[in-house]
Amino acid sequence: MIERVDAIIYSVVNLEKSRQFYSEILGLEPRIQEPHFIGLGAGNLLIGLRERKGAEAHPRLPEVVFFVRDVHLIYEHLKAHRIEIQQTPTETDWGARKANFLDPDGNPLEIVTYTQAKW
């Protein structure tokens, strides 16, 4: 059975712009560098950025959820970098605080802190 999510791959239009966003703004660790692919680490998860051109690019799928200790702190950091926010920090009815934003290619991302036991 599946034990964890190992990698999530995004199609991106501008590989360098996306690399800067994920490594410099979100702080993910660069692990793989190839001519048309960059892999960045977030703990045991690899975020892959595959450069696509024209009709090959399919932004907005999938969405990645990042666990953070302080949603408001990260939200303010994103705002300071003029990142497009889709939803300001919001309390959920499932015991979390979350906010949603977009990467440079319009891919949806979410940050979450659990305010109650997760399950």
Protein backbone atom coordinates (compact mmCIF):
# COMPACT_ATOMS: atom_id res chain seq x y z
CA MET A 1 0.00 0.00 0.00
CA ILE A 2 1.01 3.59 -0.43
CA GLU A 3 3.01 4.89 2.55
CA ARG A 4 3.57 8.53 1.59
CA VAL A 5 3.52 11.00 -1.24
CA ASP A 6 7.04 10.88 -2.69
CA ALA A 7 6.92 13.49 -5.47
CA ILE A 8 4.56 15.96 -7.05
CA ILE A 9 5.45 17.16 -10.53
CA TYR A 10 4.31 20.47 -11.96
CA SER A 11 4.46 21.56 -15.57
CA VAL A 12 5.93 25.08 -15.63
CA VAL A 13 6.39 27.64 -18.37
CA ASN A 14 9.47 29.39 -16.95
CA LEU A 15 11.75 26.94 -15.15
CA GLU A 16 14.05 29.59 -13.65
CA LYS A 17 11.20 31.75 -12.34
CA SER A 18 9.59 28.69 -10.75
CA ARG A 19 12.94 27.55 -9.28
CA GLN A 20 13.37 30.95 -7.65
CA PHE A 21 9.84 30.84 -6.23
CA TYR A 22 10.14 27.35 -4.74
CA SER A 23 13.74 27.63 -3.50
CA GLU A 24 14.19 31.29 -2.60
CA ILE A 25 10.69 32.27 -1.45
CA LEU A 26 9.36 28.97 -0.06
CA GLY A 27 12.81 27.73 1.02
CA LEU A 28 12.73 24.26 -0.57
CA GLU A 29 16.10 22.55 -0.99
CA PRO A 30 17.33 22.01 -4.59
CA ARG A 31 18.12 18.29 -5.05
CA ILE A 32 18.00 17.59 -8.80
CA GLN A 33 19.08 19.90 -11.63
CA GLU A 34 18.65 18.84 -15.26
CA PRO A 35 18.19 20.93 -18.44
CA HIS A 36 14.36 20.81 -18.32
CA PHE A 37 13.69 19.52 -14.79
CA ILE A 38 14.41 20.68 -11.25
CA GLY A 39 13.64 18.62 -8.14
CA LEU A 40 13.29 20.41 -4.80
CA GLY A 41 13.01 18.75 -1.43
CA ALA A 42 10.50 19.38 1.31
CA GLY A 43 11.33 16.76 3.94
CA ASN A 44 10.72 13.37 2.31
CA LEU A 45 8.70 14.90 -0.53
CA LEU A 46 10.16 15.95 -3.87
CA ILE A 47 8.53 18.80 -5.78
CA GLY A 48 9.43 18.39 -9.44
CA LEU A 49 9.32 21.27 -11.92
CA ARG A 50 9.24 20.07 -15.54
CA GLU A 51 9.58 22.80 -18.15
CA ARG A 52 6.92 22.60 -20.85
CA LYS A 53 6.31 24.86 -23.79
CA GLY A 54 3.08 25.93 -25.48
CA ALA A 55 0.24 23.40 -25.47
CA GLU A 56 2.32 20.99 -23.33
CA ALA A 57 2.01 23.21 -20.25
CA HIS A 58 -0.95 22.43 -17.98
CA PRO A 59 -0.89 24.84 -15.03
CA ARG A 60 -3.25 24.71 -12.04
CA LEU A 61 -2.91 20.98 -11.37
CA PRO A 62 -2.15 19.46 -8.90
CA GLU A 63 -2.35 21.32 -5.62
CA VAL A 64 0.28 20.81 -2.96
CA VAL A 65 -0.47 21.28 0.73
CA PHE A 66 2.44 22.36 2.92
CA PHE A 67 2.25 21.88 6.69
CA VAL A 68 3.60 24.96 8.52
CA ARG A 69 3.77 25.89 12.20
CA ASP A 70 2.37 29.41 11.73
CA VAL A 71 0.05 30.09 8.78
CA HIS A 72 -0.12 33.82 9.52
CA LEU A 73 3.68 34.21 9.53
CA ILE A 74 4.05 32.43 6.17
CA TYR A 75 1.06 34.32 4.76
CA GLU A 76 2.73 37.66 5.64
CA HIS A 77 5.97 36.42 4.04
CA LEU A 78 4.10 35.56 0.83
CA LYS A 79 2.33 38.94 0.80
CA ALA A 80 5.68 40.71 1.24
CA HIS A 81 6.89 38.94 -1.92
CA ARG A 82 3.71 39.96 -3.79
CA ILE A 83 2.58 36.36 -4.24
CA GLU A 84 -1.00 36.03 -5.53
CA ILE A 85 -3.15 35.02 -2.56
CA GLN A 86 -6.32 33.06 -3.31
CA GLN A 87 -7.57 32.76 0.27
CA THR A 88 -6.36 34.58 3.36
CA PRO A 89 -5.78 32.54 6.55
CA THR A 90 -9.07 30.88 7.43
CA GLU A 91 -10.20 28.58 10.23
CA THR A 92 -11.68 25.35 8.88
CA ASP A 93 -14.39 23.19 10.39
CA TRP A 94 -11.94 20.24 10.32
CA GLY A 95 -9.50 21.64 12.88
CA ALA A 96 -7.04 23.58 10.77
CA ARG A 97 -6.02 27.08 9.76
CA LYS A 98 -5.16 27.41 6.08
CA ALA A 99 -4.40 29.86 3.29
CA ASN A 100 -4.22 29.37 -0.46
CA PHE A 101 -1.96 31.01 -3.04
CA LEU A 102 -0.58 30.53 -6.55
CA ASP A 103 2.92 29.90 -7.85
CA PRO A 104 4.24 31.90 -10.86
CA ASP A 105 2.48 29.53 -13.31
CA GLY A 106 -0.88 29.64 -11.54
CA ASN A 107 -0.49 26.28 -9.79
CA PRO A 108 -2.56 26.21 -6.59
CA LEU A 109 -0.74 25.80 -3.27
CA GLU A 110 -1.96 25.66 0.30
CA ILE A 111 -0.37 26.15 3.70
CA VAL A 112 -1.98 24.57 6.75
CA THR A 113 -1.55 24.38 10.52
CA TYR A 114 -3.63 21.93 12.51
CA THR A 115 -5.36 23.61 15.45
CA GLN A 116 -6.84 20.33 16.73
CA ALA A 117 -5.71 16.73 16.55
CA LYS A 118 -5.59 15.83 12.87
CA TRP A 119 -7.74 12.70 13.14
